[in-house]
Amino acid sequence: MRVKAMDVRTVCSALALGVVALPGVALADDPYDPQMRTQAARERDRAIIRKLNQQELARVRERDARYAEGWAAWREHDARNGRSGRDTDRAYAQAQDDYEQHMAEWRRAVAACRAGRYEYCAR
């Protein structure tokens, strides 16, 4: 079996990249790092993490507020067009029931086809 030169180069390149990157990844969060043993370093780390968590919380709250505005606009649109949330819920439930019924029919046809009733195989 001949191995193409490009395949060998690709494998060697990937291996070299792994060898170069592995030590940095392995030491990324060393609990025995002497710099993290000091109280000041741990406090600084906690402050950074707290700040990142607060920024993420603010971002999520802003996103949820945008979603709430969108849902309110959707409800208002439905109300202007004479539909209620219950109508939408009912339509969704009906579509779900239709889908389940269609899938049950399909599963019955598959079972019949596998059982030798080949007229069901063409569905």
PDB file of N, CA and C in Angstrom:
ATOM      1  N   MET A   1       0.841  -1.179   0.000  1.00  0.00           N
ATOM      2  CA  MET A   1       0.000   0.000   0.000  1.00  0.00           C
ATOM      3  C   MET A   1       0.884   1.239   0.000  1.00  0.00           C
ATOM      4  N   ARG A   2       0.632   2.120  -0.932  1.00  0.00           N
ATOM      5  CA  ARG A   2       1.431   3.342  -1.026  1.00  0.00           C
ATOM      6  C   ARG A   2       0.790   4.450  -0.215  1.00  0.00           C
ATOM      7  N   VAL A   3       1.604   5.149   0.510  1.00  0.00           N
ATOM      8  CA  VAL A   3       1.135   6.288   1.292  1.00  0.00           C
ATOM      9  C   VAL A   3       1.537   7.548   0.543  1.00  0.00           C
ATOM     10  N   LYS A   4       0.588   8.395   0.338  1.00  0.00           N
ATOM     11  CA  LYS A   4       0.866   9.633  -0.385  1.00  0.00           C
ATOM     12  C   LYS A   4       1.692  10.569   0.499  1.00  0.00           C
ATOM     13  N   ALA A   5       2.558  11.328  -0.147  1.00  0.00           N
ATOM     14  CA  ALA A   5       3.418  12.262   0.586  1.00  0.00           C
ATOM     15  C   ALA A   5       2.588  13.312   1.304  1.00  0.00           C
ATOM     16  N   MET A   6       1.464  13.700   0.717  1.00  0.00           N
ATOM     17  CA  MET A   6       0.615  14.709   1.346  1.00  0.00           C
ATOM     18  C   MET A   6       0.000  14.179   2.636  1.00  0.00           C
ATOM     19  N   ASP A   7      -0.389  12.893   2.635  1.00  0.00           N
ATOM     20  CA  ASP A   7      -0.951  12.300   3.845  1.00  0.00           C
ATOM     21  C   ASP A   7       0.083  12.271   4.953  1.00  0.00           C
ATOM     22  N   VAL A   8       1.334  11.935   4.612  1.00  0.00           N
ATOM     23  CA  VAL A   8       2.407  11.888   5.611  1.00  0.00           C
ATOM     24  C   VAL A   8       2.653  13.289   6.156  1.00  0.00           C
ATOM     25  N   ARG A   9       2.687  14.285   5.275  1.00  0.00           N
ATOM     26  CA  ARG A   9       2.895  15.662   5.724  1.00  0.00           C
ATOM     27  C   ARG A   9       1.757  16.128   6.629  1.00  0.00           C
ATOM     28  N   THR A  10       0.541  15.773   6.268  1.00  0.00           N
ATOM     29  CA  THR A  10      -0.615  16.173   7.080  1.00  0.00           C
ATOM     30  C   THR A  10      -0.540  15.560   8.472  1.00  0.00           C
ATOM     31  N   VAL A  11      -0.235  14.284   8.533  1.00  0.00           N
ATOM     32  CA  VAL A  11      -0.132  13.608   9.825  1.00  0.00           C
ATOM     33  C   VAL A  11       1.007  14.194  10.647  1.00  0.00           C
ATOM     34  N   CYS A  12       2.147  14.432  10.023  1.00  0.00           N
ATOM     35  CA  CYS A  12       3.286  15.012  10.732  1.00  0.00           C
ATOM     36  C   CYS A  12       2.970  16.418  11.231  1.00  0.00           C
ATOM     37  N   SER A  13       2.283  17.197  10.420  1.00  0.00           N
ATOM     38  CA  SER A  13       1.908  18.559  10.830  1.00  0.00           C
ATOM     39  C   SER A  13       0.964  18.530  12.018  1.00  0.00           C
ATOM     40  N   ALA A  14      -0.013  17.645  11.974  1.00  0.00           N
ATOM     41  CA  ALA A  14      -0.963  17.537  13.087  1.00  0.00           C
ATOM     42  C   ALA A  14      -0.249  17.082  14.349  1.00  0.00           C
ATOM     43  N   LEU A  15       0.656  16.139  14.227  1.00  0.00           N
ATOM     44  CA  LEU A  15       1.415  15.649  15.376  1.00  0.00           C
ATOM     45  C   LEU A  15       2.287  16.756  15.956  1.00  0.00           C
ATOM     46  N   ALA A  16       2.956  17.525  15.083  1.00  0.00           N
ATOM     47  CA  ALA A  16       3.803  18.626  15.549  1.00  0.00           C
ATOM     48  C   ALA A  16       2.972  19.683  16.265  1.00  0.00           C
ATOM     49  N   LEU A  17       1.817  20.002  15.727  1.00  0.00           N
ATOM     50  CA  LEU A  17       0.942  20.982  16.368  1.00  0.00           C
ATOM     51  C   LEU A  17       0.501  20.493  17.751  1.00  0.00           C
ATOM     52  N   GLY A  18       0.148  19.218  17.835  1.00  0.00           N
ATOM     53  CA  GLY A  18      -0.242  18.649  19.126  1.00  0.00           C
ATOM     54  C   GLY A  18       0.883  18.696  20.139  1.00  0.00           C
ATOM     55  N   VAL A  19       2.105  18.389  19.715  1.00  0.00           N
ATOM     56  CA  VAL A  19       3.257  18.401  20.608  1.00  0.00           C
ATOM     57  C   VAL A  19       3.528  19.822  21.098  1.00  0.00           C
ATOM     58  N   VAL A  20       3.345  20.804  20.238  1.00  0.00           N
ATOM     59  CA  VAL A  20       3.591  22.189  20.628  1.00  0.00           C
ATOM     60  C   VAL A  20       2.496  22.701  21.562  1.00  0.00           C
ATOM     61  N   ALA A  21       1.239  22.355  21.297  1.00  0.00           N
ATOM     62  CA  ALA A  21       0.120  22.909  22.058  1.00  0.00           C
ATOM     63  C   ALA A  21      -0.135  22.176  23.375  1.00  0.00           C
ATOM     64  N   LEU A  22       0.203  20.925  23.459  1.00  0.00           N
ATOM     65  CA  LEU A  22      -0.139  20.115  24.633  1.00  0.00           C
ATOM     66  C   LEU A  22       0.405  20.656  25.946  1.00  0.00           C
ATOM     67  N   PRO A  23       1.682  21.055  26.034  1.00  0.00           N
ATOM     68  CA  PRO A  23       2.160  21.549  27.331  1.00  0.00           C
ATOM     69  C   PRO A  23       1.409  22.782  27.821  1.00  0.00           C
ATOM     70  N   GLY A  24       1.059  23.692  26.907  1.00  0.00           N
ATOM     71  CA  GLY A  24       0.310  24.882  27.314  1.00  0.00           C
ATOM     72  C   GLY A  24      -1.070  24.536  27.829  1.00  0.00           C
ATOM     73  N   VAL A  25      -1.712  23.580  27.198  1.00  0.00           N
ATOM     74  CA  VAL A  25      -3.036  23.167  27.630  1.00  0.00           C
ATOM     75  C   VAL A  25      -2.950  22.436  28.961  1.00  0.00           C
ATOM     76  N   ALA A  26      -1.959  21.595  29.112  1.00  0.00           N
ATOM     77  CA  ALA A  26      -1.818  20.808  30.335  1.00  0.00           C
ATOM     78  C   ALA A  26      -1.557  21.695  31.543  1.00  0.00           C
ATOM     79  N   LEU A  27      -0.878  22.801  31.355  1.00  0.00           N
ATOM     80  CA  LEU A  27      -0.531  23.675  32.479  1.00  0.00           C
ATOM     81  C   LEU A  27      -1.452  24.887  32.589  1.00  0.00           C
ATOM     82  N   ALA A  28      -2.538  24.898  31.846  1.00  0.00           N
ATOM     83  CA  ALA A  28      -3.417  26.063  31.818  1.00  0.00           C
ATOM     84  C   ALA A  28      -4.029  26.356  33.177  1.00  0.00           C
ATOM     85  N   ASP A  29      -4.383  25.359  33.933  1.00  0.00           N
ATOM     86  CA  ASP A  29      -5.014  25.574  35.232  1.00  0.00           C
ATOM     87  C   ASP A  29      -4.347  24.671  36.263  1.00  0.00           C
ATOM     88  N   ASP A  30      -3.136  25.005  36.594  1.00  0.00           N
ATOM     89  CA  ASP A  30      -2.358  24.187  37.524  1.00  0.00           C
ATOM     90  C   ASP A  30      -2.695  24.591  38.957  1.00  0.00           C
ATOM     91  N   PRO A  31      -3.325  23.707  39.753  1.00  0.00           N
ATOM     92  CA  PRO A  31      -3.669  24.072  41.132  1.00  0.00           C
ATOM     93  C   PRO A  31      -2.442  24.229  42.023  1.00  0.00           C
ATOM     94  N   TYR A  32      -1.308  23.735  41.585  1.00  0.00           N
ATOM     95  CA  TYR A  32      -0.086  23.841  42.387  1.00  0.00           C
ATOM     96  C   TYR A  32       0.806  24.981  41.925  1.00  0.00           C
ATOM     97  N   ASP A  33       0.263  25.864  41.091  1.00  0.00           N
ATOM     98  CA  ASP A  33       0.999  27.016  40.598  1.00  0.00           C
ATOM     99  C   ASP A  33       1.377  27.889  41.792  1.00  0.00           C
ATOM    100  N   PRO A  34       2.676  28.179  41.983  1.00  0.00           N
ATOM    101  CA  PRO A  34       3.092  28.970  43.154  1.00  0.00           C
ATOM    102  C   PRO A  34       2.457  30.353  43.192  1.00  0.00           C
ATOM    103  N   GLN A  35       2.155  30.917  42.010  1.00  0.00           N
ATOM    104  CA  GLN A  35       1.543  32.249  41.997  1.00  0.00           C
ATOM    105  C   GLN A  35       0.128  32.221  42.559  1.00  0.00           C
ATOM    106  N   MET A  36      -0.580  31.074  42.449  1.00  0.00           N
ATOM    107  CA  MET A  36      -1.955  31.001  42.935  1.00  0.00           C
ATOM    108  C   MET A  36      -2.026  30.606  44.407  1.00  0.00           C
ATOM    109  N   ARG A  37      -0.908  30.350  45.029  1.00  0.00           N
ATOM    110  CA  ARG A  37      -0.919  29.963  46.435  1.00  0.00           C
ATOM    111  C   ARG A  37      -1.066  31.165  47.352  1.00  0.00           C
ATOM    112  N   THR A  38      -0.831  32.360  46.841  1.00  0.00           N
ATOM    113  CA  THR A  38      -0.956  33.530  47.696  1.00  0.00           C
ATOM    114  C   THR A  38      -2.418  33.950  47.792  1.00  0.00           C
ATOM    115  N   GLN A  39      -2.754  34.499  48.923  1.00  0.00           N
ATOM    116  CA  GLN A  39      -4.127  34.969  49.159  1.00  0.00           C
ATOM    117  C   GLN A  39      -4.494  36.074  48.175  1.00  0.00           C
ATOM    118  N   ALA A  40      -3.566  36.965  47.883  1.00  0.00           N
ATOM    119  CA  ALA A  40      -3.843  38.077  46.962  1.00  0.00           C
ATOM    120  C   ALA A  40      -4.174  37.554  45.568  1.00  0.00           C
ATOM    121  N   ALA A  41      -3.465  36.539  45.118  1.00  0.00           N
ATOM    122  CA  ALA A  41      -3.726  35.976  43.784  1.00  0.00           C
ATOM    123  C   ALA A  41      -5.098  35.324  43.733  1.00  0.00           C
ATOM    124  N   ARG A  42      -5.454  34.620  44.806  1.00  0.00           N
ATOM    125  CA  ARG A  42      -6.778  33.979  44.837  1.00  0.00           C
ATOM    126  C   ARG A  42      -7.885  35.020  44.876  1.00  0.00           C
ATOM    127  N   GLU A  43      -7.692  36.080  45.624  1.00  0.00           N
ATOM    128  CA  GLU A  43      -8.692  37.160  45.683  1.00  0.00           C
ATOM    129  C   GLU A  43      -8.836  37.840  44.327  1.00  0.00           C
ATOM    130  N   ARG A  44      -7.703  38.091  43.665  1.00  0.00           N
ATOM    131  CA  ARG A  44      -7.735  38.703  42.341  1.00  0.00           C
ATOM    132  C   ARG A  44      -8.490  37.791  41.364  1.00  0.00           C
ATOM    133  N   ASP A  45      -8.236  36.500  41.444  1.00  0.00           N
ATOM    134  CA  ASP A  45      -8.912  35.526  40.589  1.00  0.00           C
ATOM    135  C   ASP A  45     -10.412  35.518  40.861  1.00  0.00           C
ATOM    136  N   ARG A  46     -10.786  35.544  42.137  1.00  0.00           N
ATOM    137  CA  ARG A  46     -12.217  35.585  42.493  1.00  0.00           C
ATOM    138  C   ARG A  46     -12.885  36.847  41.962  1.00  0.00           C
ATOM    139  N   ALA A  47     -12.180  37.981  42.064  1.00  0.00           N
ATOM    140  CA  ALA A  47     -12.743  39.252  41.578  1.00  0.00           C
ATOM    141  C   ALA A  47     -12.956  39.208  40.065  1.00  0.00           C
ATOM    142  N   ILE A  48     -12.005  38.645  39.346  1.00  0.00           N
ATOM    143  CA  ILE A  48     -12.148  38.531  37.890  1.00  0.00           C
ATOM    144  C   ILE A  48     -13.326  37.639  37.537  1.00  0.00           C
ATOM    145  N   ILE A  49     -13.420  36.509  38.212  1.00  0.00           N
ATOM    146  CA  ILE A  49     -14.524  35.573  37.945  1.00  0.00           C
ATOM    147  C   ILE A  49     -15.862  36.207  38.295  1.00  0.00           C
ATOM    148  N   ARG A  50     -15.929  36.923  39.416  1.00  0.00           N
ATOM    149  CA  ARG A  50     -17.167  37.601  39.817  1.00  0.00           C
ATOM    150  C   ARG A  50     -17.570  38.625  38.754  1.00  0.00           C
ATOM    151  N   LYS A  51     -16.589  39.397  38.260  1.00  0.00           N
ATOM    152  CA  LYS A  51     -16.878  40.404  37.233  1.00  0.00           C
ATOM    153  C   LYS A  51     -17.389  39.733  35.959  1.00  0.00           C
ATOM    154  N   LEU A  52     -16.755  38.650  35.533  1.00  0.00           N
ATOM    155  CA  LEU A  52     -17.205  37.936  34.334  1.00  0.00           C
ATOM    156  C   LEU A  52     -18.616  37.392  34.513  1.00  0.00           C
ATOM    157  N   ASN A  53     -18.909  36.854  35.691  1.00  0.00           N
ATOM    158  CA  ASN A  53     -20.255  36.335  35.963  1.00  0.00           C
ATOM    159  C   ASN A  53     -21.291  37.445  35.935  1.00  0.00           C
ATOM    160  N   GLN A  54     -20.948  38.609  36.490  1.00  0.00           N
ATOM    161  CA  GLN A  54     -21.888  39.734  36.472  1.00  0.00           C
ATOM    162  C   GLN A  54     -22.127  40.241  35.056  1.00  0.00           C
ATOM    163  N   GLN A  55     -21.081  40.278  34.245  1.00  0.00           N
ATOM    164  CA  GLN A  55     -21.242  40.693  32.844  1.00  0.00           C
ATOM    165  C   GLN A  55     -22.132  39.709  32.094  1.00  0.00           C
ATOM    166  N   GLU A  56     -21.937  38.424  32.348  1.00  0.00           N
ATOM    167  CA  GLU A  56     -22.762  37.418  31.676  1.00  0.00           C
ATOM    168  C   GLU A  56     -24.218  37.525  32.138  1.00  0.00           C
ATOM    169  N   LEU A  57     -24.434  37.753  33.423  1.00  0.00           N
ATOM    170  CA  LEU A  57     -25.788  37.920  33.940  1.00  0.00           C
ATOM    171  C   LEU A  57     -26.473  39.118  33.285  1.00  0.00           C
ATOM    172  N   ALA A  58     -25.743  40.227  33.143  1.00  0.00           N
ATOM    173  CA  ALA A  58     -26.317  41.411  32.492  1.00  0.00           C
ATOM    174  C   ALA A  58     -26.662  41.108  31.038  1.00  0.00           C
ATOM    175  N   ARG A  59     -25.774  40.381  30.351  1.00  0.00           N
ATOM    176  CA  ARG A  59     -26.032  40.031  28.954  1.00  0.00           C
ATOM    177  C   ARG A  59     -27.267  39.150  28.831  1.00  0.00           C
ATOM    178  N   VAL A  60     -27.421  38.182  29.739  1.00  0.00           N
ATOM    179  CA  VAL A  60     -28.576  37.286  29.695  1.00  0.00           C
ATOM    180  C   VAL A  60     -29.857  38.054  30.012  1.00  0.00           C
ATOM    181  N   ARG A  61     -29.804  38.948  30.982  1.00  0.00           N
ATOM    182  CA  ARG A  61     -30.996  39.744  31.305  1.00  0.00           C
ATOM    183  C   ARG A  61     -31.411  40.620  30.130  1.00  0.00           C
ATOM    184  N   GLU A  62     -30.433  41.219  29.443  1.00  0.00           N
ATOM    185  CA  GLU A  62     -30.753  42.039  28.272  1.00  0.00           C
ATOM    186  C   GLU A  62     -31.371  41.178  27.169  1.00  0.00           C
ATOM    187  N   ARG A  63     -30.801  39.998  26.951  1.00  0.00           N
ATOM    188  CA  ARG A  63     -31.336  39.093  25.928  1.00  0.00           C
ATOM    189  C   ARG A  63     -32.768  38.691  26.269  1.00  0.00           C
ATOM    190  N   ASP A  64     -32.999  38.347  27.539  1.00  0.00           N
ATOM    191  CA  ASP A  64     -34.348  37.945  27.949  1.00  0.00           C
ATOM    192  C   ASP A  64     -35.341  39.089  27.812  1.00  0.00           C
ATOM    193  N   ALA A  65     -34.886  40.318  28.071  1.00  0.00           N
ATOM    194  CA  ALA A  65     -35.774  41.477  27.893  1.00  0.00           C
ATOM    195  C   ALA A  65     -36.145  41.639  26.424  1.00  0.00           C
ATOM    196  N   ARG A  66     -35.174  41.433  25.520  1.00  0.00           N
ATOM    197  CA  ARG A  66     -35.478  41.501  24.084  1.00  0.00           C
ATOM    198  C   ARG A  66     -36.465  40.413  23.698  1.00  0.00           C
ATOM    199  N   TYR A  67     -36.260  39.213  24.223  1.00  0.00           N
ATOM    200  CA  TYR A  67     -37.203  38.128  23.941  1.00  0.00           C
ATOM    201  C   TYR A  67     -38.601  38.485  24.437  1.00  0.00           C
ATOM    202  N   ALA A  68     -38.690  39.067  25.641  1.00  0.00           N
ATOM    203  CA  ALA A  68     -39.989  39.420  26.203  1.00  0.00           C
ATOM    204  C   ALA A  68     -40.680  40.460  25.324  1.00  0.00           C
ATOM    205  N   GLU A  69     -39.912  41.423  24.801  1.00  0.00           N
ATOM    206  CA  GLU A  69     -40.500  42.414  23.891  1.00  0.00           C
ATOM    207  C   GLU A  69     -41.037  41.732  22.641  1.00  0.00           C
ATOM    208  N   GLY A  70     -40.283  40.781  22.120  1.00  0.00           N
ATOM    209  CA  GLY A  70     -40.726  40.059  20.933  1.00  0.00           C
ATOM    210  C   GLY A  70     -42.004  39.283  21.180  1.00  0.00           C
ATOM    211  N   TRP A  71     -42.071  38.611  22.332  1.00  0.00           N
ATOM    212  CA  TRP A  71     -43.282  37.849  22.655  1.00  0.00           C
ATOM    213  C   TRP A  71     -44.471  38.783  22.853  1.00  0.00           C
ATOM    214  N   ALA A  72     -44.219  39.940  23.475  1.00  0.00           N
ATOM    215  CA  ALA A  72     -45.311  40.903  23.671  1.00  0.00           C
ATOM    216  C   ALA A  72     -45.817  41.413  22.319  1.00  0.00           C
ATOM    217  N   ALA A  73     -44.899  41.685  21.402  1.00  0.00           N
ATOM    218  CA  ALA A  73     -45.302  42.137  20.062  1.00  0.00           C
ATOM    219  C   ALA A  73     -46.080  41.039  19.343  1.00  0.00           C
ATOM    220  N   TRP A  74     -45.662  39.817  19.522  1.00  0.00           N
ATOM    221  CA  TRP A  74     -46.361  38.687  18.889  1.00  0.00           C
ATOM    222  C   TRP A  74     -47.785  38.556  19.435  1.00  0.00           C
ATOM    223  N   ARG A  75     -47.926  38.667  20.782  1.00  0.00           N
ATOM    224  CA  ARG A  75     -49.262  38.592  21.385  1.00  0.00           C
ATOM    225  C   ARG A  75     -50.145  39.753  20.909  1.00  0.00           C
ATOM    226  N   GLU A  76     -49.545  40.939  20.810  1.00  0.00           N
ATOM    227  CA  GLU A  76     -50.295  42.109  20.342  1.00  0.00           C
ATOM    228  C   GLU A  76     -50.740  41.911  18.893  1.00  0.00           C
ATOM    229  N   HIS A  77     -49.872  41.373  18.066  1.00  0.00           N
ATOM    230  CA  HIS A  77     -50.208  41.095  16.670  1.00  0.00           C
ATOM    231  C   HIS A  77     -51.370  40.110  16.592  1.00  0.00           C
ATOM    232  N   ASP A  78     -51.303  39.047  17.391  1.00  0.00           N
ATOM    233  CA  ASP A  78     -52.398  38.068  17.411  1.00  0.00           C
ATOM    234  C   ASP A  78     -53.696  38.711  17.878  1.00  0.00           C
ATOM    235  N   ALA A  79     -53.605  39.565  18.893  1.00  0.00           N
ATOM    236  CA  ALA A  79     -54.811  40.213  19.415  1.00  0.00           C
ATOM    237  C   ALA A  79     -55.428  41.132  18.352  1.00  0.00           C
ATOM    238  N   ARG A  80     -54.600  41.867  17.607  1.00  0.00           N
ATOM    239  CA  ARG A  80     -55.112  42.744  16.544  1.00  0.00           C
ATOM    240  C   ARG A  80     -55.795  41.945  15.445  1.00  0.00           C
ATOM    241  N   ASN A  81     -55.332  40.730  15.205  1.00  0.00           N
ATOM    242  CA  ASN A  81     -55.897  39.899  14.145  1.00  0.00           C
ATOM    243  C   ASN A  81     -56.970  38.940  14.654  1.00  0.00           C
ATOM    244  N   GLY A  82     -57.404  39.151  15.869  1.00  0.00           N
ATOM    245  CA  GLY A  82     -58.523  38.379  16.397  1.00  0.00           C
ATOM    246  C   GLY A  82     -58.164  36.968  16.853  1.00  0.00           C
ATOM    247  N   ARG A  83     -56.904  36.721  17.113  1.00  0.00           N
ATOM    248  CA  ARG A  83     -56.506  35.400  17.615  1.00  0.00           C
ATOM    249  C   ARG A  83     -56.056  35.536  19.055  1.00  0.00           C
ATOM    250  N   SER A  84     -56.262  34.475  19.799  1.00  0.00           N
ATOM    251  CA  SER A  84     -55.775  34.474  21.175  1.00  0.00           C
ATOM    252  C   SER A  84     -54.670  33.443  21.298  1.00  0.00           C
ATOM    253  N   GLY A  85     -53.970  33.481  22.409  1.00  0.00           N
ATOM    254  CA  GLY A  85     -52.935  32.487  22.663  1.00  0.00           C
ATOM    255  C   GLY A  85     -53.497  31.092  22.689  1.00  0.00           C
ATOM    256  N   ARG A  86     -54.751  30.972  23.137  1.00  0.00           N
ATOM    257  CA  ARG A  86     -55.387  29.647  23.177  1.00  0.00           C
ATOM    258  C   ARG A  86     -55.583  29.091  21.772  1.00  0.00           C
ATOM    259  N   ASP A  87     -55.941  29.982  20.816  1.00  0.00           N
ATOM    260  CA  ASP A  87     -56.092  29.529  19.428  1.00  0.00           C
ATOM    261  C   ASP A  87     -54.771  28.994  18.893  1.00  0.00           C
ATOM    262  N   THR A  88     -53.696  29.724  19.185  1.00  0.00           N
ATOM    263  CA  THR A  88     -52.375  29.298  18.731  1.00  0.00           C
ATOM    264  C   THR A  88     -51.995  27.984  19.390  1.00  0.00           C
ATOM    265  N   ASP A  89     -52.273  27.871  20.698  1.00  0.00           N
ATOM    266  CA  ASP A  89     -51.974  26.625  21.407  1.00  0.00           C
ATOM    267  C   ASP A  89     -52.768  25.471  20.818  1.00  0.00           C
ATOM    268  N   ARG A  90     -54.049  25.729  20.518  1.00  0.00           N
ATOM    269  CA  ARG A  90     -54.891  24.685  19.936  1.00  0.00           C
ATOM    270  C   ARG A  90     -54.375  24.259  18.561  1.00  0.00           C
ATOM    271  N   ALA A  91     -53.974  25.245  17.753  1.00  0.00           N
ATOM    272  CA  ALA A  91     -53.448  24.939  16.418  1.00  0.00           C
ATOM    273  C   ALA A  91     -52.158  24.134  16.523  1.00  0.00           C
ATOM    274  N   TYR A  92     -51.315  24.482  17.484  1.00  0.00           N
ATOM    275  CA  TYR A  92     -50.070  23.734  17.675  1.00  0.00           C
ATOM    276  C   TYR A  92     -50.373  22.307  18.121  1.00  0.00           C
ATOM    277  N   ALA A  93     -51.308  22.159  19.055  1.00  0.00           N
ATOM    278  CA  ALA A  93     -51.679  20.820  19.529  1.00  0.00           C
ATOM    279  C   ALA A  93     -52.263  19.992  18.398  1.00  0.00           C
ATOM    280  N   GLN A  94     -53.071  20.607  17.548  1.00  0.00           N
ATOM    281  CA  GLN A  94     -53.653  19.880  16.414  1.00  0.00           C
ATOM    282  C   GLN A  94     -52.564  19.456  15.439  1.00  0.00           C
ATOM    283  N   ALA A  95     -51.620  20.346  15.172  1.00  0.00           N
ATOM    284  CA  ALA A  95     -50.516  19.998  14.269  1.00  0.00           C
ATOM    285  C   ALA A  95     -49.682  18.861  14.858  1.00  0.00           C
ATOM    286  N   GLN A  96     -49.475  18.891  16.150  1.00  0.00           N
ATOM    287  CA  GLN A  96     -48.726  17.825  16.815  1.00  0.00           C
ATOM    288  C   GLN A  96     -49.481  16.498  16.719  1.00  0.00           C
ATOM    289  N   ASP A  97     -50.796  16.534  16.941  1.00  0.00           N
ATOM    290  CA  ASP A  97     -51.607  15.322  16.820  1.00  0.00           C
ATOM    291  C   ASP A  97     -51.582  14.772  15.394  1.00  0.00           C
ATOM    292  N   ASP A  98     -51.674  15.670  14.413  1.00  0.00           N
ATOM    293  CA  ASP A  98     -51.614  15.245  13.011  1.00  0.00           C
ATOM    294  C   ASP A  98     -50.276  14.572  12.708  1.00  0.00           C
ATOM    295  N   TYR A  99     -49.216  15.162  13.217  1.00  0.00           N
ATOM    296  CA  TYR A  99     -47.886  14.585  13.002  1.00  0.00           C
ATOM    297  C   TYR A  99     -47.779  13.200  13.635  1.00  0.00           C
ATOM    298  N   GLU A 100     -48.245  13.074  14.860  1.00  0.00           N
ATOM    299  CA  GLU A 100     -48.185  11.777  15.547  1.00  0.00           C
ATOM    300  C   GLU A 100     -49.008  10.726  14.809  1.00  0.00           C
ATOM    301  N   GLN A 101     -50.168  11.117  14.304  1.00  0.00           N
ATOM    302  CA  GLN A 101     -51.003  10.183  13.547  1.00  0.00           C
ATOM    303  C   GLN A 101     -50.308   9.768  12.252  1.00  0.00           C
ATOM    304  N   HIS A 102     -49.708  10.729  11.560  1.00  0.00           N
ATOM    305  CA  HIS A 102     -48.991  10.426  10.318  1.00  0.00           C
ATOM    306  C   HIS A 102     -47.827   9.469  10.592  1.00  0.00           C
ATOM    307  N   MET A 103     -47.092   9.711  11.669  1.00  0.00           N
ATOM    308  CA  MET A 103     -45.960   8.843  12.004  1.00  0.00           C
ATOM    309  C   MET A 103     -46.441   7.444  12.389  1.00  0.00           C
ATOM    310  N   ALA A 104     -47.573   7.341  13.083  1.00  0.00           N
ATOM    311  CA  ALA A 104     -48.106   6.020  13.440  1.00  0.00           C
ATOM    312  C   ALA A 104     -48.511   5.250  12.188  1.00  0.00           C
ATOM    313  N   GLU A 105     -49.136   5.940  11.228  1.00  0.00           N
ATOM    314  CA  GLU A 105     -49.491   5.289   9.959  1.00  0.00           C
ATOM    315  C   GLU A 105     -48.236   4.827   9.218  1.00  0.00           C
ATOM    316  N   TRP A 106     -47.210   5.664   9.203  1.00  0.00           N
ATOM    317  CA  TRP A 106     -45.970   5.310   8.535  1.00  0.00           C
ATOM    318  C   TRP A 106     -45.319   4.091   9.197  1.00  0.00           C
ATOM    319  N   ARG A 107     -45.304   4.071  10.531  1.00  0.00           N
ATOM    320  CA  ARG A 107     -44.711   2.929  11.237  1.00  0.00           C
ATOM    321  C   ARG A 107     -45.486   1.638  10.950  1.00  0.00           C
ATOM    322  N   ARG A 108     -46.823   1.734  10.870  1.00  0.00           N
ATOM    323  CA  ARG A 108     -47.627   0.553  10.526  1.00  0.00           C
ATOM    324  C   ARG A 108     -47.296   0.077   9.115  1.00  0.00           C
ATOM    325  N   ALA A 109     -47.124   1.018   8.175  1.00  0.00           N
ATOM    326  CA  ALA A 109     -46.786   0.650   6.802  1.00  0.00           C
ATOM    327  C   ALA A 109     -45.406  -0.001   6.739  1.00  0.00           C
ATOM    328  N   VAL A 110     -44.460   0.501   7.499  1.00  0.00           N
ATOM    329  CA  VAL A 110     -43.124  -0.104   7.524  1.00  0.00           C
ATOM    330  C   VAL A 110     -43.207  -1.518   8.079  1.00  0.00           C
ATOM    331  N   ALA A 111     -43.953  -1.700   9.155  1.00  0.00           N
ATOM    332  CA  ALA A 111     -44.091  -3.039   9.749  1.00  0.00           C
ATOM    333  C   ALA A 111     -44.759  -4.002   8.763  1.00  0.00           C
ATOM    334  N   ALA A 112     -45.787  -3.511   8.061  1.00  0.00           N
ATOM    335  CA  ALA A 112     -46.472  -4.369   7.090  1.00  0.00           C
ATOM    336  C   ALA A 112     -45.527  -4.720   5.937  1.00  0.00           C
ATOM    337  N   CYS A 113     -44.755  -3.771   5.482  1.00  0.00           N
ATOM    338  CA  CYS A 113     -43.799  -4.009   4.395  1.00  0.00           C
ATOM    339  C   CYS A 113     -42.783  -5.055   4.816  1.00  0.00           C
ATOM    340  N   ARG A 114     -42.261  -4.926   6.024  1.00  0.00           N
ATOM    341  CA  ARG A 114     -41.272  -5.888   6.519  1.00  0.00           C
ATOM    342  C   ARG A 114     -41.884  -7.270   6.722  1.00  0.00           C
ATOM    343  N   ALA A 115     -43.206  -7.293   6.956  1.00  0.00           N
ATOM    344  CA  ALA A 115     -43.887  -8.572   7.154  1.00  0.00           C
ATOM    345  C   ALA A 115     -44.232  -9.249   5.833  1.00  0.00           C
ATOM    346  N   GLY A 116     -43.906  -8.610   4.707  1.00  0.00           N
ATOM    347  CA  GLY A 116     -44.135  -9.238   3.416  1.00  0.00           C
ATOM    348  C   GLY A 116     -45.299  -8.677   2.634  1.00  0.00           C
ATOM    349  N   ARG A 117     -45.986  -7.696   3.157  1.00  0.00           N
ATOM    350  CA  ARG A 117     -47.087  -7.064   2.425  1.00  0.00           C
ATOM    351  C   ARG A 117     -46.493  -5.920   1.617  1.00  0.00           C
ATOM    352  N   TYR A 118     -46.043  -6.265   0.413  1.00  0.00           N
ATOM    353  CA  TYR A 118     -45.223  -5.345  -0.382  1.00  0.00           C
ATOM    354  C   TYR A 118     -46.001  -4.155  -0.941  1.00  0.00           C
ATOM    355  N   GLU A 119     -47.317  -4.190  -0.902  1.00  0.00           N
ATOM    356  CA  GLU A 119     -48.067  -3.029  -1.373  1.00  0.00           C
ATOM    357  C   GLU A 119     -47.839  -1.823  -0.450  1.00  0.00           C
ATOM    358  N   TYR A 120     -47.410  -2.082   0.791  1.00  0.00           N
ATOM    359  CA  TYR A 120     -47.131  -0.997   1.739  1.00  0.00           C
ATOM    360  C   TYR A 120     -45.720  -0.428   1.558  1.00  0.00           C
ATOM    361  N   CYS A 121     -44.886  -1.093   0.803  1.00  0.00           N
ATOM    362  CA  CYS A 121     -43.491  -0.648   0.639  1.00  0.00           C
ATOM    363  C   CYS A 121     -43.363   0.596  -0.230  1.00  0.00           C
ATOM    364  N   ALA A 122     -44.323   0.850  -1.080  1.00  0.00           N
ATOM    365  CA  ALA A 122     -44.227   1.964  -2.014  1.00  0.00           C
ATOM    366  C   ALA A 122     -44.593   3.300  -1.377  1.00  0.00           C
ATOM    367  N   ARG A 123     -45.079   3.291  -0.156  1.00  0.00           N
ATOM    368  CA  ARG A 123     -45.491   4.538   0.508  1.00  0.00           C
ATOM    369  C   ARG A 123     -44.339   5.422   0.844  1.00  0.00           C
TER     370      ARG A 123
END
